[in-house]
Amino acid sequence: MSEPKGLFETLLELENADLDDTAPEQRIWDRFGQTCAVLVLDSTGFSRTTQQRGIVYFLSLVAKMREIGGRIFSGCGATGFRAEADNLFAEFPTADQALTAAFEMHCQLEESGLMLLESEPFTVCIGIGYGRLLLSRTEGMFGDEMNLASKLGEDTATGGQTLLTEAAYSALQSKDHLTATRQMITIAGVALPYFEVAPDKQQVP
């Protein structure tokens, strides 16, 4: 049985087919479109840790992070999970599930005792988006909310932070247990809001 065609292979086939201008766009969204939450995780301290303790030591931390992340994501209902270098990517049916996974990831990494350096714990940065995206199981997620989540998780958040796009924050069914701070980021000259979100410690038993 042949493997299903990926997004890019399908795009090339449609590009070469004799179709009207709107047909390829609609076919791609019909086949690969999915409304979901996407979580983008990036680890911290790669450069300074590899310089001081070596690449093998840092990769051992990444291996443990992947193991922890896979277990958490599956337990929180992820429909897909991928690892690339020191990044993790996961899709969830709801923004609430993605946020629960993010909080659990921060918590379990802290409890694991993994250390970058003698006095610096291993932490991760997480961005979450929500909306209609193109999903290819072999090639990843594509779309505006994926781009924003990547920007938040890889370039904006610091260790231990969870940042949500405005769409992801609006999609949350429950906000009672959260503290959220609205902030702004500029992407390609456009100012876009996002939310730094954390558990409300006053409500955590």
C-alpha atoms as a PDB file:
ATOM      1  CA  MET A   1       0.000   0.000   0.000  1.00  0.00           C
ATOM      2  CA  SER A   2       1.501   3.333  -1.048  1.00  0.00           C
ATOM      3  CA  GLU A   3       2.034   6.187   1.397  1.00  0.00           C
ATOM      4  CA  PRO A   4      -0.520   9.025   1.183  1.00  0.00           C
ATOM      5  CA  LYS A   5       0.714  12.012  -0.750  1.00  0.00           C
ATOM      6  CA  GLY A   6       2.061  14.903   1.273  1.00  0.00           C
ATOM      7  CA  LEU A   7       1.098  18.550   1.055  1.00  0.00           C
ATOM      8  CA  PHE A   8       3.927  19.642  -1.226  1.00  0.00           C
ATOM      9  CA  GLU A   9       3.565  16.726  -3.623  1.00  0.00           C
ATOM     10  CA  THR A  10      -0.141  17.480  -3.862  1.00  0.00           C
ATOM     11  CA  LEU A  11       0.574  21.157  -4.497  1.00  0.00           C
ATOM     12  CA  LEU A  12       2.858  20.288  -7.396  1.00  0.00           C
ATOM     13  CA  GLU A  13       0.289  17.953  -8.916  1.00  0.00           C
ATOM     14  CA  LEU A  14      -2.419  20.599  -8.718  1.00  0.00           C
ATOM     15  CA  GLU A  15      -0.077  23.238 -10.105  1.00  0.00           C
ATOM     16  CA  ASN A  16       0.496  21.066 -13.179  1.00  0.00           C
ATOM     17  CA  ALA A  17      -3.163  20.140 -13.590  1.00  0.00           C
ATOM     18  CA  ASP A  18      -5.548  22.032 -15.851  1.00  0.00           C
ATOM     19  CA  LEU A  19      -7.730  23.560 -13.141  1.00  0.00           C
ATOM     20  CA  ASP A  20      -9.330  26.953 -12.671  1.00  0.00           C
ATOM     21  CA  ASP A  21      -7.731  29.467 -10.316  1.00  0.00           C
ATOM     22  CA  THR A  22      -9.812  28.597  -7.248  1.00  0.00           C
ATOM     23  CA  ALA A  23      -9.845  24.787  -7.483  1.00  0.00           C
ATOM     24  CA  PRO A  24      -6.298  24.086  -6.191  1.00  0.00           C
ATOM     25  CA  GLU A  25      -6.786  26.308  -3.135  1.00  0.00           C
ATOM     26  CA  GLN A  26     -10.091  24.673  -2.225  1.00  0.00           C
ATOM     27  CA  ARG A  27      -8.773  21.138  -2.762  1.00  0.00           C
ATOM     28  CA  ILE A  28      -5.765  21.761  -0.536  1.00  0.00           C
ATOM     29  CA  TRP A  29      -7.902  23.105   2.303  1.00  0.00           C
ATOM     30  CA  ASP A  30     -10.444  20.312   1.899  1.00  0.00           C
ATOM     31  CA  ARG A  31      -7.727  17.667   2.115  1.00  0.00           C
ATOM     32  CA  PHE A  32      -5.267  19.140   4.617  1.00  0.00           C
ATOM     33  CA  GLY A  33      -7.248  21.777   6.501  1.00  0.00           C
ATOM     34  CA  GLN A  34      -7.795  21.252  10.202  1.00  0.00           C
ATOM     35  CA  THR A  35      -8.925  23.512  13.034  1.00  0.00           C
ATOM     36  CA  CYS A  36      -6.759  22.842  16.059  1.00  0.00           C
ATOM     37  CA  ALA A  37      -4.363  24.254  18.624  1.00  0.00           C
ATOM     38  CA  VAL A  38      -0.666  24.058  17.840  1.00  0.00           C
ATOM     39  CA  LEU A  39       2.057  24.052  20.501  1.00  0.00           C
ATOM     40  CA  VAL A  40       5.621  25.051  19.632  1.00  0.00           C
ATOM     41  CA  LEU A  41       8.321  24.360  22.233  1.00  0.00           C
ATOM     42  CA  ASP A  42      11.943  25.479  22.161  1.00  0.00           C
ATOM     43  CA  SER A  43      14.614  24.642  24.718  1.00  0.00           C
ATOM     44  CA  THR A  44      16.950  27.193  26.271  1.00  0.00           C
ATOM     45  CA  GLY A  45      20.702  27.452  26.713  1.00  0.00           C
ATOM     46  CA  PHE A  46      21.974  25.524  23.689  1.00  0.00           C
ATOM     47  CA  SER A  47      25.025  27.655  22.896  1.00  0.00           C
ATOM     48  CA  ARG A  48      26.389  28.265  26.359  1.00  0.00           C
ATOM     49  CA  THR A  49      25.729  24.702  27.514  1.00  0.00           C
ATOM     50  CA  THR A  50      27.436  23.076  24.528  1.00  0.00           C
ATOM     51  CA  GLN A  51      30.405  25.413  24.925  1.00  0.00           C
ATOM     52  CA  GLN A  52      30.828  24.534  28.578  1.00  0.00           C
ATOM     53  CA  ARG A  53      29.648  20.926  28.769  1.00  0.00           C
ATOM     54  CA  GLY A  54      29.651  19.664  25.182  1.00  0.00           C
ATOM     55  CA  ILE A  55      27.064  18.731  22.588  1.00  0.00           C
ATOM     56  CA  VAL A  56      26.551  15.186  23.893  1.00  0.00           C
ATOM     57  CA  TYR A  57      25.529  16.493  27.311  1.00  0.00           C
ATOM     58  CA  PHE A  58      23.013  18.921  25.820  1.00  0.00           C
ATOM     59  CA  LEU A  59      21.566  16.285  23.486  1.00  0.00           C
ATOM     60  CA  SER A  60      21.071  13.992  26.469  1.00  0.00           C
ATOM     61  CA  LEU A  61      18.892  16.722  27.984  1.00  0.00           C
ATOM     62  CA  VAL A  62      16.970  17.018  24.706  1.00  0.00           C
ATOM     63  CA  ALA A  63      16.408  13.247  24.653  1.00  0.00           C
ATOM     64  CA  LYS A  64      14.909  13.368  28.156  1.00  0.00           C
ATOM     65  CA  MET A  65      12.825  16.422  27.196  1.00  0.00           C
ATOM     66  CA  ARG A  66      11.423  14.525  24.193  1.00  0.00           C
ATOM     67  CA  GLU A  67      10.530  11.561  26.382  1.00  0.00           C
ATOM     68  CA  ILE A  68       8.754  13.767  28.918  1.00  0.00           C
ATOM     69  CA  GLY A  69       7.015  15.771  26.196  1.00  0.00           C
ATOM     70  CA  GLY A  70       5.749  12.734  24.326  1.00  0.00           C
ATOM     71  CA  ARG A  71       4.236  11.306  27.490  1.00  0.00           C
ATOM     72  CA  ILE A  72       2.591  14.606  28.462  1.00  0.00           C
ATOM     73  CA  PHE A  73       1.263  15.408  24.998  1.00  0.00           C
ATOM     74  CA  SER A  74      -0.282  11.962  24.596  1.00  0.00           C
ATOM     75  CA  GLY A  75      -1.873  12.227  28.016  1.00  0.00           C
ATOM     76  CA  CYS A  76      -3.356  15.620  27.161  1.00  0.00           C
ATOM     77  CA  GLY A  77      -4.979  14.394  23.949  1.00  0.00           C
ATOM     78  CA  ALA A  78      -2.487  15.464  21.277  1.00  0.00           C
ATOM     79  CA  THR A  79      -3.415  14.292  17.790  1.00  0.00           C
ATOM     80  CA  GLY A  80       0.144  14.677  16.508  1.00  0.00           C
ATOM     81  CA  PHE A  81       3.660  15.211  17.878  1.00  0.00           C
ATOM     82  CA  ARG A  82       7.012  15.830  16.209  1.00  0.00           C
ATOM     83  CA  ALA A  83      10.531  16.558  17.391  1.00  0.00           C
ATOM     84  CA  GLU A  84      13.061  18.556  15.392  1.00  0.00           C
ATOM     85  CA  ALA A  85      16.470  19.311  16.923  1.00  0.00           C
ATOM     86  CA  ASP A  86      15.676  20.888  20.315  1.00  0.00           C
ATOM     87  CA  ASN A  87      12.106  21.817  19.325  1.00  0.00           C
ATOM     88  CA  LEU A  88       8.843  19.975  19.918  1.00  0.00           C
ATOM     89  CA  PHE A  89       5.643  20.500  17.909  1.00  0.00           C
ATOM     90  CA  ALA A  90       2.219  19.148  18.842  1.00  0.00           C
ATOM     91  CA  GLU A  91      -1.395  19.553  17.714  1.00  0.00           C
ATOM     92  CA  PHE A  92      -4.410  19.395  20.024  1.00  0.00           C
ATOM     93  CA  PRO A  93      -8.160  19.526  19.372  1.00  0.00           C
ATOM     94  CA  THR A  94      -8.579  22.447  21.791  1.00  0.00           C
ATOM     95  CA  ALA A  95      -6.573  25.362  23.132  1.00  0.00           C
ATOM     96  CA  ASP A  96      -7.317  24.200  26.683  1.00  0.00           C
ATOM     97  CA  GLN A  97      -5.603  20.854  26.050  1.00  0.00           C
ATOM     98  CA  ALA A  98      -2.552  22.575  24.583  1.00  0.00           C
ATOM     99  CA  LEU A  99      -2.317  24.930  27.558  1.00  0.00           C
ATOM    100  CA  THR A 100      -2.666  22.066  30.046  1.00  0.00           C
ATOM    101  CA  ALA A 101       0.173  20.273  28.251  1.00  0.00           C
ATOM    102  CA  ALA A 102       2.328  23.404  28.366  1.00  0.00           C
ATOM    103  CA  PHE A 103       1.844  23.893  32.107  1.00  0.00           C
ATOM    104  CA  GLU A 104       2.493  20.208  32.759  1.00  0.00           C
ATOM    105  CA  MET A 105       5.661  20.350  30.655  1.00  0.00           C
ATOM    106  CA  HIS A 106       7.062  23.240  32.687  1.00  0.00           C
ATOM    107  CA  CYS A 107       6.119  21.506  35.929  1.00  0.00           C
ATOM    108  CA  GLN A 108       7.598  18.104  35.098  1.00  0.00           C
ATOM    109  CA  LEU A 109      10.823  19.580  33.758  1.00  0.00           C
ATOM    110  CA  GLU A 110      11.225  21.480  37.018  1.00  0.00           C
ATOM    111  CA  GLU A 111      10.562  18.311  39.014  1.00  0.00           C
ATOM    112  CA  SER A 112      12.979  16.289  36.852  1.00  0.00           C
ATOM    113  CA  GLY A 113      15.982  18.184  38.157  1.00  0.00           C
ATOM    114  CA  LEU A 114      17.564  18.481  34.693  1.00  0.00           C
ATOM    115  CA  MET A 115      20.289  21.108  34.750  1.00  0.00           C
ATOM    116  CA  LEU A 116      21.933  23.077  31.954  1.00  0.00           C
ATOM    117  CA  LEU A 117      24.762  24.146  34.206  1.00  0.00           C
ATOM    118  CA  GLU A 118      25.449  23.623  37.884  1.00  0.00           C
ATOM    119  CA  SER A 119      23.238  26.533  38.955  1.00  0.00           C
ATOM    120  CA  GLU A 120      20.889  26.792  35.940  1.00  0.00           C
ATOM    121  CA  PRO A 121      17.920  24.460  35.415  1.00  0.00           C
ATOM    122  CA  PHE A 122      16.869  23.202  31.988  1.00  0.00           C
ATOM    123  CA  THR A 123      13.776  25.130  30.890  1.00  0.00           C
ATOM    124  CA  VAL A 124      11.666  25.520  27.761  1.00  0.00           C
ATOM    125  CA  CYS A 125       9.776  28.296  25.983  1.00  0.00           C
ATOM    126  CA  ILE A 126       6.290  27.597  24.618  1.00  0.00           C
ATOM    127  CA  GLY A 127       4.033  29.335  22.116  1.00  0.00           C
ATOM    128  CA  ILE A 128       0.460  28.274  21.368  1.00  0.00           C
ATOM    129  CA  GLY A 129      -1.758  29.207  18.419  1.00  0.00           C
ATOM    130  CA  TYR A 130      -5.265  28.172  17.402  1.00  0.00           C
ATOM    131  CA  GLY A 131      -7.136  28.222  14.112  1.00  0.00           C
ATOM    132  CA  ARG A 132      -7.555  26.697  10.665  1.00  0.00           C
ATOM    133  CA  LEU A 133      -4.211  25.242   9.565  1.00  0.00           C
ATOM    134  CA  LEU A 134      -2.824  22.949   6.897  1.00  0.00           C
ATOM    135  CA  LEU A 135      -1.634  19.688   8.437  1.00  0.00           C
ATOM    136  CA  SER A 136       0.640  17.215   6.685  1.00  0.00           C
ATOM    137  CA  ARG A 137       1.622  14.329   8.955  1.00  0.00           C
ATOM    138  CA  THR A 138       5.049  14.008   7.302  1.00  0.00           C
ATOM    139  CA  GLU A 139       5.735  17.689   6.689  1.00  0.00           C
ATOM    140  CA  GLY A 140       4.228  19.576   9.614  1.00  0.00           C
ATOM    141  CA  MET A 141       1.757  22.393  10.177  1.00  0.00           C
ATOM    142  CA  PHE A 142       1.371  25.490   8.013  1.00  0.00           C
ATOM    143  CA  GLY A 143      -0.641  28.656   8.478  1.00  0.00           C
ATOM    144  CA  ASP A 144      -0.764  32.026  10.168  1.00  0.00           C
ATOM    145  CA  GLU A 145      -1.359  30.668  13.670  1.00  0.00           C
ATOM    146  CA  MET A 146       1.526  28.225  13.237  1.00  0.00           C
ATOM    147  CA  ASN A 147       3.806  31.093  12.242  1.00  0.00           C
ATOM    148  CA  LEU A 148       2.706  33.158  15.224  1.00  0.00           C
ATOM    149  CA  ALA A 149       3.080  30.260  17.659  1.00  0.00           C
ATOM    150  CA  SER A 150       6.602  29.655  16.339  1.00  0.00           C
ATOM    151  CA  LYS A 151       7.459  33.325  16.731  1.00  0.00           C
ATOM    152  CA  LEU A 152       6.213  33.277  20.311  1.00  0.00           C
ATOM    153  CA  GLY A 153       7.778  29.966  21.315  1.00  0.00           C
ATOM    154  CA  GLU A 154      11.120  30.276  19.566  1.00  0.00           C
ATOM    155  CA  ASP A 155      11.858  34.003  19.478  1.00  0.00           C
ATOM    156  CA  THR A 156       9.784  35.776  22.127  1.00  0.00           C
ATOM    157  CA  ALA A 157       9.270  33.594  25.212  1.00  0.00           C
ATOM    158  CA  THR A 158      11.943  33.089  27.825  1.00  0.00           C
ATOM    159  CA  GLY A 159      12.526  29.917  29.830  1.00  0.00           C
ATOM    160  CA  GLY A 160       9.432  28.840  31.734  1.00  0.00           C
ATOM    161  CA  GLN A 161       7.043  31.130  29.826  1.00  0.00           C
ATOM    162  CA  THR A 162       3.907  30.149  27.931  1.00  0.00           C
ATOM    163  CA  LEU A 163       2.673  32.665  25.349  1.00  0.00           C
ATOM    164  CA  LEU A 164      -0.648  32.432  23.489  1.00  0.00           C
ATOM    165  CA  THR A 165      -1.781  34.135  20.321  1.00  0.00           C
ATOM    166  CA  GLU A 166      -4.912  36.237  20.637  1.00  0.00           C
ATOM    167  CA  ALA A 167      -6.874  33.528  18.812  1.00  0.00           C
ATOM    168  CA  ALA A 168      -5.619  30.800  21.159  1.00  0.00           C
ATOM    169  CA  TYR A 169      -6.454  32.853  24.247  1.00  0.00           C
ATOM    170  CA  SER A 170      -9.939  33.622  22.906  1.00  0.00           C
ATOM    171  CA  ALA A 171     -10.498  29.905  22.204  1.00  0.00           C
ATOM    172  CA  LEU A 172      -9.898  28.884  25.839  1.00  0.00           C
ATOM    173  CA  GLN A 173     -13.063  27.539  27.429  1.00  0.00           C
ATOM    174  CA  SER A 174     -11.866  28.265  30.958  1.00  0.00           C
ATOM    175  CA  LYS A 175      -9.761  31.197  32.126  1.00  0.00           C
ATOM    176  CA  ASP A 176     -10.743  31.225  35.803  1.00  0.00           C
ATOM    177  CA  HIS A 177      -7.587  29.437  36.929  1.00  0.00           C
ATOM    178  CA  LEU A 178      -5.220  31.673  34.947  1.00  0.00           C
ATOM    179  CA  THR A 179      -3.325  34.904  35.208  1.00  0.00           C
ATOM    180  CA  ALA A 180      -2.885  36.524  31.805  1.00  0.00           C
ATOM    181  CA  THR A 181      -1.006  39.598  30.654  1.00  0.00           C
ATOM    182  CA  ARG A 182      -1.731  41.101  27.248  1.00  0.00           C
ATOM    183  CA  GLN A 183       1.339  42.259  25.338  1.00  0.00           C
ATOM    184  CA  MET A 184       2.271  43.244  21.788  1.00  0.00           C
ATOM    185  CA  ILE A 185       4.765  41.940  19.265  1.00  0.00           C
ATOM    186  CA  THR A 186       5.673  43.387  15.868  1.00  0.00           C
ATOM    187  CA  ILE A 187       5.937  40.939  12.951  1.00  0.00           C
ATOM    188  CA  ALA A 188       6.762  42.210   9.459  1.00  0.00           C
ATOM    189  CA  GLY A 189       5.850  45.721  10.553  1.00  0.00           C
ATOM    190  CA  VAL A 190       2.452  44.680  11.970  1.00  0.00           C
ATOM    191  CA  ALA A 191       1.765  44.974  15.715  1.00  0.00           C
ATOM    192  CA  LEU A 192      -0.013  41.852  16.983  1.00  0.00           C
ATOM    193  CA  PRO A 193      -1.273  41.107  20.501  1.00  0.00           C
ATOM    194  CA  TYR A 194      -0.408  37.995  22.485  1.00  0.00           C
ATOM    195  CA  PHE A 195      -0.924  36.804  26.047  1.00  0.00           C
ATOM    196  CA  GLU A 196       1.571  35.605  28.638  1.00  0.00           C
ATOM    197  CA  VAL A 197      -0.365  33.006  30.619  1.00  0.00           C
ATOM    198  CA  ALA A 198       0.416  31.214  33.879  1.00  0.00           C
ATOM    199  CA  PRO A 199      -1.563  29.225  36.452  1.00  0.00           C
ATOM    200  CA  ASP A 200      -3.180  31.386  39.121  1.00  0.00           C
ATOM    201  CA  LYS A 201      -1.133  30.369  42.164  1.00  0.00           C
ATOM    202  CA  GLN A 202      -3.892  31.526  44.506  1.00  0.00           C
ATOM    203  CA  GLN A 203      -6.158  28.844  43.055  1.00  0.00           C
ATOM    204  CA  VAL A 204      -3.596  26.035  42.855  1.00  0.00           C
ATOM    205  CA  PRO A 205      -4.039  23.649  45.815  1.00  0.00           C
END
